[in-house]
């Protein structure tokens, strides 16, 4: 489990390669957890709640992912 704060400005990178729940132009809090339900399987869940940096409009995103390793 983890919690953090993200603030990525709009023109922070020309071609971003970061793997994050939010893109450029947002700021706010993110919480998430990773769990291994069985061997070679990783489940991840994340939630972001914040706002756009330019307009100040509220933003929230939910992300879930399951990875299988062979």
PDB file of N, CA and C in Angstrom:
ATOM      1  N   UNK A   1       0.843  -1.165   0.000  1.00  0.00           N
ATOM      2  CA  UNK A   1       0.000   0.000   0.000  1.00  0.00           C
ATOM      3  C   UNK A   1       0.895   1.237   0.000  1.00  0.00           C
ATOM      4  N   UNK A   2       0.390   2.274  -0.620  1.00  0.00           N
ATOM      5  CA  UNK A   2       1.162   3.512  -0.663  1.00  0.00           C
ATOM      6  C   UNK A   2       0.243   4.705  -0.867  1.00  0.00           C
ATOM      7  N   UNK A   3       0.760   5.845  -0.535  1.00  0.00           N
ATOM      8  CA  UNK A   3       0.062   7.115  -0.746  1.00  0.00           C
ATOM      9  C   UNK A   3       1.114   8.137  -1.145  1.00  0.00           C
ATOM     10  N   UNK A   4       0.714   9.083  -1.984  1.00  0.00           N
ATOM     11  CA  UNK A   4       1.674  10.076  -2.423  1.00  0.00           C
ATOM     12  C   UNK A   4       1.001  11.299  -3.013  1.00  0.00           C
ATOM     13  N   UNK A   5       1.835  12.249  -3.379  1.00  0.00           N
ATOM     14  CA  UNK A   5       1.369  13.486  -4.000  1.00  0.00           C
ATOM     15  C   UNK A   5       2.056  13.619  -5.338  1.00  0.00           C
ATOM     16  N   UNK A   6       1.293  13.909  -6.378  1.00  0.00           N
ATOM     17  CA  UNK A   6       1.853  14.079  -7.711  1.00  0.00           C
ATOM     18  C   UNK A   6       1.537  15.480  -8.216  1.00  0.00           C
ATOM     19  N   UNK A   7       2.532  16.101  -8.833  1.00  0.00           N
ATOM     20  CA  UNK A   7       2.329  17.370  -9.516  1.00  0.00           C
ATOM     21  C   UNK A   7       3.228  17.361 -10.739  1.00  0.00           C
ATOM     22  N   UNK A   8       2.608  17.188 -11.899  1.00  0.00           N
ATOM     23  CA  UNK A   8       3.343  17.123 -13.147  1.00  0.00           C
ATOM     24  C   UNK A   8       2.853  18.278 -14.012  1.00  0.00           C
ATOM     25  N   UNK A   9       3.719  19.242 -14.241  1.00  0.00           N
ATOM     26  CA  UNK A   9       3.339  20.421 -15.016  1.00  0.00           C
ATOM     27  C   UNK A   9       3.118  20.072 -16.487  1.00  0.00           C
ATOM     28  N   UNK A  10       2.392  20.908 -17.180  1.00  0.00           N
ATOM     29  CA  UNK A  10       1.964  20.639 -18.549  1.00  0.00           C
ATOM     30  C   UNK A  10       3.131  20.406 -19.495  1.00  0.00           C
ATOM     31  N   UNK A  11       4.147  21.224 -19.453  1.00  0.00           N
ATOM     32  CA  UNK A  11       5.269  21.092 -20.371  1.00  0.00           C
ATOM     33  C   UNK A  11       6.524  20.588 -19.654  1.00  0.00           C
ATOM     34  N   UNK A  12       6.347  19.659 -18.722  1.00  0.00           N
ATOM     35  CA  UNK A  12       7.473  19.115 -17.969  1.00  0.00           C
ATOM     36  C   UNK A  12       8.364  18.223 -18.832  1.00  0.00           C
ATOM     37  N   UNK A  13       7.804  17.640 -19.889  1.00  0.00           N
ATOM     38  CA  UNK A  13       8.563  16.741 -20.749  1.00  0.00           C
ATOM     39  C   UNK A  13       7.991  16.779 -22.164  1.00  0.00           C
ATOM     40  N   UNK A  14       8.851  16.619 -23.145  1.00  0.00           N
ATOM     41  CA  UNK A  14       8.403  16.595 -24.531  1.00  0.00           C
ATOM     42  C   UNK A  14       7.695  15.273 -24.840  1.00  0.00           C
ATOM     43  N   UNK A  15       8.303  14.179 -24.464  1.00  0.00           N
ATOM     44  CA  UNK A  15       7.727  12.845 -24.687  1.00  0.00           C
ATOM     45  C   UNK A  15       7.836  12.057 -23.386  1.00  0.00           C
ATOM     46  N   UNK A  16       6.890  12.210 -22.470  1.00  0.00           N
ATOM     47  CA  UNK A  16       7.009  11.558 -21.154  1.00  0.00           C
ATOM     48  C   UNK A  16       6.981  10.037 -21.245  1.00  0.00           C
ATOM     49  N   UNK A  17       7.799   9.398 -20.431  1.00  0.00           N
ATOM     50  CA  UNK A  17       7.856   7.939 -20.371  1.00  0.00           C
ATOM     51  C   UNK A  17       7.500   7.430 -18.981  1.00  0.00           C
ATOM     52  N   UNK A  18       7.071   8.314 -18.081  1.00  0.00           N
ATOM     53  CA  UNK A  18       6.730   7.888 -16.733  1.00  0.00           C
ATOM     54  C   UNK A  18       5.456   7.051 -16.758  1.00  0.00           C
ATOM     55  N   UNK A  19       5.404   6.076 -15.875  1.00  0.00           N
ATOM     56  CA  UNK A  19       4.251   5.179 -15.772  1.00  0.00           C
ATOM     57  C   UNK A  19       3.476   5.592 -14.531  1.00  0.00           C
ATOM     58  N   UNK A  20       2.489   6.440 -14.721  1.00  0.00           N
ATOM     59  CA  UNK A  20       1.741   6.983 -13.594  1.00  0.00           C
ATOM     60  C   UNK A  20       0.274   7.064 -13.959  1.00  0.00           C
ATOM     61  N   UNK A  21      -0.560   7.179 -12.949  1.00  0.00           N
ATOM     62  CA  UNK A  21      -2.007   7.235 -13.158  1.00  0.00           C
ATOM     63  C   UNK A  21      -2.440   8.557 -13.790  1.00  0.00           C
ATOM     64  N   UNK A  22      -1.678   9.616 -13.594  1.00  0.00           N
ATOM     65  CA  UNK A  22      -2.056  10.910 -14.164  1.00  0.00           C
ATOM     66  C   UNK A  22      -1.056  11.316 -15.228  1.00  0.00           C
ATOM     67  N   UNK A  23      -1.492  12.184 -16.099  1.00  0.00           N
ATOM     68  CA  UNK A  23      -0.610  12.723 -17.121  1.00  0.00           C
ATOM     69  C   UNK A  23      -0.144  14.117 -16.746  1.00  0.00           C
ATOM     70  N   UNK A  24       0.446  14.787 -17.688  1.00  0.00           N
ATOM     71  CA  UNK A  24       0.945  16.136 -17.455  1.00  0.00           C
ATOM     72  C   UNK A  24      -0.219  17.102 -17.289  1.00  0.00           C
ATOM     73  N   UNK A  25      -0.036  18.076 -16.415  1.00  0.00           N
ATOM     74  CA  UNK A  25      -1.039  19.111 -16.201  1.00  0.00           C
ATOM     75  C   UNK A  25      -1.974  18.852 -15.038  1.00  0.00           C
ATOM     76  N   UNK A  26      -1.630  17.935 -14.151  1.00  0.00           N
ATOM     77  CA  UNK A  26      -2.469  17.612 -12.990  1.00  0.00           C
ATOM     78  C   UNK A  26      -1.652  17.645 -11.708  1.00  0.00           C
ATOM     79  N   UNK A  27      -2.352  17.859 -10.589  1.00  0.00           N
ATOM     80  CA  UNK A  27      -1.723  17.766  -9.275  1.00  0.00           C
ATOM     81  C   UNK A  27      -2.757  17.218  -8.300  1.00  0.00           C
ATOM     82  N   UNK A  28      -2.279  16.446  -7.301  1.00  0.00           N
ATOM     83  CA  UNK A  28      -3.191  15.903  -6.306  1.00  0.00           C
ATOM     84  C   UNK A  28      -2.632  14.667  -5.632  1.00  0.00           C
ATOM     85  N   UNK A  29      -3.474  14.007  -4.850  1.00  0.00           N
ATOM     86  CA  UNK A  29      -3.084  12.848  -4.058  1.00  0.00           C
ATOM     87  C   UNK A  29      -3.429  11.558  -4.787  1.00  0.00           C
ATOM     88  N   UNK A  30      -2.564  10.568  -4.624  1.00  0.00           N
ATOM     89  CA  UNK A  30      -2.792   9.248  -5.201  1.00  0.00           C
ATOM     90  C   UNK A  30      -2.578   8.193  -4.110  1.00  0.00           C
ATOM     91  N   UNK A  31      -3.462   7.203  -4.066  1.00  0.00           N
ATOM     92  CA  UNK A  31      -3.323   6.069  -3.150  1.00  0.00           C
ATOM     93  C   UNK A  31      -3.436   4.796  -3.972  1.00  0.00           C
ATOM     94  N   UNK A  32      -2.763   3.760  -3.530  1.00  0.00           N
ATOM     95  CA  UNK A  32      -2.803   2.517  -4.279  1.00  0.00           C
ATOM     96  C   UNK A  32      -2.288   1.346  -3.479  1.00  0.00           C
ATOM     97  N   UNK A  33      -2.442   0.176  -4.063  1.00  0.00           N
ATOM     98  CA  UNK A  33      -1.968  -1.053  -3.432  1.00  0.00           C
ATOM     99  C   UNK A  33      -1.654  -2.071  -4.520  1.00  0.00           C
ATOM    100  N   UNK A  34      -0.694  -2.904  -4.238  1.00  0.00           N
ATOM    101  CA  UNK A  34      -0.349  -4.017  -5.118  1.00  0.00           C
ATOM    102  C   UNK A  34      -0.470  -5.302  -4.310  1.00  0.00           C
ATOM    103  N   UNK A  35      -0.911  -6.374  -4.981  1.00  0.00           N
ATOM    104  CA  UNK A  35      -1.143  -7.644  -4.296  1.00  0.00           C
ATOM    105  C   UNK A  35      -0.772  -8.782  -5.246  1.00  0.00           C
ATOM    106  N   UNK A  36      -0.177  -9.829  -4.704  1.00  0.00           N
ATOM    107  CA  UNK A  36       0.176 -11.009  -5.482  1.00  0.00           C
ATOM    108  C   UNK A  36      -0.764 -12.138  -5.060  1.00  0.00           C
ATOM    109  N   UNK A  37      -1.860 -12.368  -5.825  1.00  0.00           N
ATOM    110  CA  UNK A  37      -2.824 -13.394  -5.439  1.00  0.00           C
ATOM    111  C   UNK A  37      -2.330 -14.818  -5.673  1.00  0.00           C
ATOM    112  N   UNK A  38      -1.423 -14.993  -6.616  1.00  0.00           N
ATOM    113  CA  UNK A  38      -0.838 -16.297  -6.916  1.00  0.00           C
ATOM    114  C   UNK A  38       0.525 -16.068  -7.557  1.00  0.00           C
ATOM    115  N   UNK A  39       1.294 -17.128  -7.677  1.00  0.00           N
ATOM    116  CA  UNK A  39       2.626 -17.017  -8.258  1.00  0.00           C
ATOM    117  C   UNK A  39       2.539 -16.466  -9.684  1.00  0.00           C
ATOM    118  N   UNK A  40       3.378 -15.487  -9.993  1.00  0.00           N
ATOM    119  CA  UNK A  40       3.477 -14.849 -11.311  1.00  0.00           C
ATOM    120  C   UNK A  40       2.266 -14.002 -11.684  1.00  0.00           C
ATOM    121  N   UNK A  41       1.466 -13.571 -10.724  1.00  0.00           N
ATOM    122  CA  UNK A  41       0.334 -12.683 -10.978  1.00  0.00           C
ATOM    123  C   UNK A  41       0.432 -11.489 -10.030  1.00  0.00           C
ATOM    124  N   UNK A  42       0.349 -10.279 -10.583  1.00  0.00           N
ATOM    125  CA  UNK A  42       0.416  -9.050  -9.795  1.00  0.00           C
ATOM    126  C   UNK A  42      -0.817  -8.207 -10.088  1.00  0.00           C
ATOM    127  N   UNK A  43      -1.586  -7.890  -9.056  1.00  0.00           N
ATOM    128  CA  UNK A  43      -2.773  -7.042  -9.196  1.00  0.00           C
ATOM    129  C   UNK A  43      -2.472  -5.687  -8.562  1.00  0.00           C
ATOM    130  N   UNK A  44      -2.802  -4.607  -9.268  1.00  0.00           N
ATOM    131  CA  UNK A  44      -2.549  -3.244  -8.790  1.00  0.00           C
ATOM    132  C   UNK A  44      -3.827  -2.430  -8.914  1.00  0.00           C
ATOM    133  N   UNK A  45      -4.076  -1.604  -7.907  1.00  0.00           N
ATOM    134  CA  UNK A  45      -5.233  -0.706  -7.923  1.00  0.00           C
ATOM    135  C   UNK A  45      -4.768   0.662  -7.430  1.00  0.00           C
ATOM    136  N   UNK A  46      -5.200   1.748  -8.116  1.00  0.00           N
ATOM    137  CA  UNK A  46      -4.796   3.112  -7.762  1.00  0.00           C
ATOM    138  C   UNK A  46      -5.987   4.057  -7.907  1.00  0.00           C
ATOM    139  N   UNK A  47      -5.975   5.110  -7.091  1.00  0.00           N
ATOM    140  CA  UNK A  47      -6.996   6.155  -7.182  1.00  0.00           C
ATOM    141  C   UNK A  47      -6.319   7.511  -7.059  1.00  0.00           C
ATOM    142  N   UNK A  48      -6.672   8.430  -7.948  1.00  0.00           N
ATOM    143  CA  UNK A  48      -6.135   9.788  -7.940  1.00  0.00           C
ATOM    144  C   UNK A  48      -7.275  10.774  -7.719  1.00  0.00           C
ATOM    145  N   UNK A  49      -7.052  11.759  -6.858  1.00  0.00           N
ATOM    146  CA  UNK A  49      -8.022  12.829  -6.631  1.00  0.00           C
ATOM    147  C   UNK A  49      -7.259  14.144  -6.566  1.00  0.00           C
ATOM    148  N   UNK A  50      -7.563  15.056  -7.492  1.00  0.00           N
ATOM    149  CA  UNK A  50      -6.848  16.327  -7.537  1.00  0.00           C
ATOM    150  C   UNK A  50      -7.510  17.298  -8.480  1.00  0.00           C
ATOM    151  N   UNK A  51      -6.674  18.081  -9.180  1.00  0.00           N
ATOM    152  CA  UNK A  51      -7.208  19.086 -10.099  1.00  0.00           C
ATOM    153  C   UNK A  51      -6.221  19.347 -11.223  1.00  0.00           C
ATOM    154  N   UNK A  52      -6.742  19.954 -12.285  1.00  0.00           N
ATOM    155  CA  UNK A  52      -5.890  20.408 -13.380  1.00  0.00           C
ATOM    156  C   UNK A  52      -5.115  21.634 -12.914  1.00  0.00           C
ATOM    157  N   UNK A  53      -3.852  21.741 -13.322  1.00  0.00           N
ATOM    158  CA  UNK A  53      -3.046  22.877 -12.867  1.00  0.00           C
ATOM    159  C   UNK A  53      -3.413  24.172 -13.563  1.00  0.00           C
ATOM    160  N   UNK A  54      -3.847  24.126 -14.808  1.00  0.00           N
ATOM    161  CA  UNK A  54      -4.150  25.358 -15.549  1.00  0.00           C
ATOM    162  C   UNK A  54      -5.546  25.876 -15.228  1.00  0.00           C
ATOM    163  N   UNK A  55      -6.570  25.035 -15.365  1.00  0.00           N
ATOM    164  CA  UNK A  55      -7.953  25.500 -15.194  1.00  0.00           C
ATOM    165  C   UNK A  55      -8.455  25.408 -13.755  1.00  0.00           C
ATOM    166  N   UNK A  56      -7.826  24.565 -12.934  1.00  0.00           N
ATOM    167  CA  UNK A  56      -8.281  24.381 -11.562  1.00  0.00           C
ATOM    168  C   UNK A  56      -9.498  23.472 -11.451  1.00  0.00           C
ATOM    169  N   UNK A  57      -9.885  22.840 -12.549  1.00  0.00           N
ATOM    170  CA  UNK A  57     -11.039  21.948 -12.574  1.00  0.00           C
ATOM    171  C   UNK A  57     -10.714  20.640 -11.849  1.00  0.00           C
ATOM    172  N   UNK A  58     -11.679  20.149 -11.043  1.00  0.00           N
ATOM    173  CA  UNK A  58     -11.491  18.908 -10.299  1.00  0.00           C
ATOM    174  C   UNK A  58     -11.273  17.729 -11.243  1.00  0.00           C
ATOM    175  N   UNK A  59     -10.448  16.772 -10.788  1.00  0.00           N
ATOM    176  CA  UNK A  59     -10.178  15.577 -11.583  1.00  0.00           C
ATOM    177  C   UNK A  59     -10.016  14.390 -10.641  1.00  0.00           C
ATOM    178  N   UNK A  60     -10.538  13.251 -11.042  1.00  0.00           N
ATOM    179  CA  UNK A  60     -10.319  12.016 -10.298  1.00  0.00           C
ATOM    180  C   UNK A  60     -10.248  10.872 -11.293  1.00  0.00           C
ATOM    181  N   UNK A  61      -9.376   9.901 -10.994  1.00  0.00           N
ATOM    182  CA  UNK A  61      -9.193   8.755 -11.882  1.00  0.00           C
ATOM    183  C   UNK A  61      -9.025   7.493 -11.041  1.00  0.00           C
ATOM    184  N   UNK A  62      -9.537   6.401 -11.560  1.00  0.00           N
ATOM    185  CA  UNK A  62      -9.428   5.095 -10.934  1.00  0.00           C
ATOM    186  C   UNK A  62      -8.723   4.180 -11.925  1.00  0.00           C
ATOM    187  N   UNK A  63      -7.759   3.383 -11.449  1.00  0.00           N
ATOM    188  CA  UNK A  63      -6.974   2.522 -12.321  1.00  0.00           C
ATOM    189  C   UNK A  63      -6.807   1.157 -11.668  1.00  0.00           C
ATOM    190  N   UNK A  64      -7.039   0.098 -12.434  1.00  0.00           N
ATOM    191  CA  UNK A  64      -6.805  -1.256 -11.965  1.00  0.00           C
ATOM    192  C   UNK A  64      -6.070  -2.010 -13.062  1.00  0.00           C
ATOM    193  N   UNK A  65      -5.145  -2.883 -12.654  1.00  0.00           N
ATOM    194  CA  UNK A  65      -4.319  -3.603 -13.615  1.00  0.00           C
ATOM    195  C   UNK A  65      -3.963  -4.972 -13.047  1.00  0.00           C
ATOM    196  N   UNK A  66      -3.945  -5.983 -13.912  1.00  0.00           N
ATOM    197  CA  UNK A  66      -3.482  -7.320 -13.537  1.00  0.00           C
ATOM    198  C   UNK A  66      -2.389  -7.721 -14.518  1.00  0.00           C
ATOM    199  N   UNK A  67      -1.211  -8.064 -13.998  1.00  0.00           N
ATOM    200  CA  UNK A  67      -0.083  -8.489 -14.819  1.00  0.00           C
ATOM    201  C   UNK A  67       0.176  -9.971 -14.606  1.00  0.00           C
ATOM    202  N   UNK A  68       0.400 -10.676 -15.716  1.00  0.00           N
ATOM    203  CA  UNK A  68       0.751 -12.086 -15.686  1.00  0.00           C
ATOM    204  C   UNK A  68       2.176 -12.219 -16.185  1.00  0.00           C
ATOM    205  N   UNK A  69       3.029 -12.902 -15.448  1.00  0.00           N
ATOM    206  CA  UNK A  69       4.441 -13.076 -15.798  1.00  0.00           C
ATOM    207  C   UNK A  69       4.690 -14.523 -16.191  1.00  0.00           C
ATOM    208  N   UNK A  70       5.306 -14.702 -17.369  1.00  0.00           N
ATOM    209  CA  UNK A  70       5.607 -16.054 -17.854  1.00  0.00           C
ATOM    210  C   UNK A  70       7.085 -16.244 -17.974  1.00  0.00           C
TER     211      UNK A  70
END
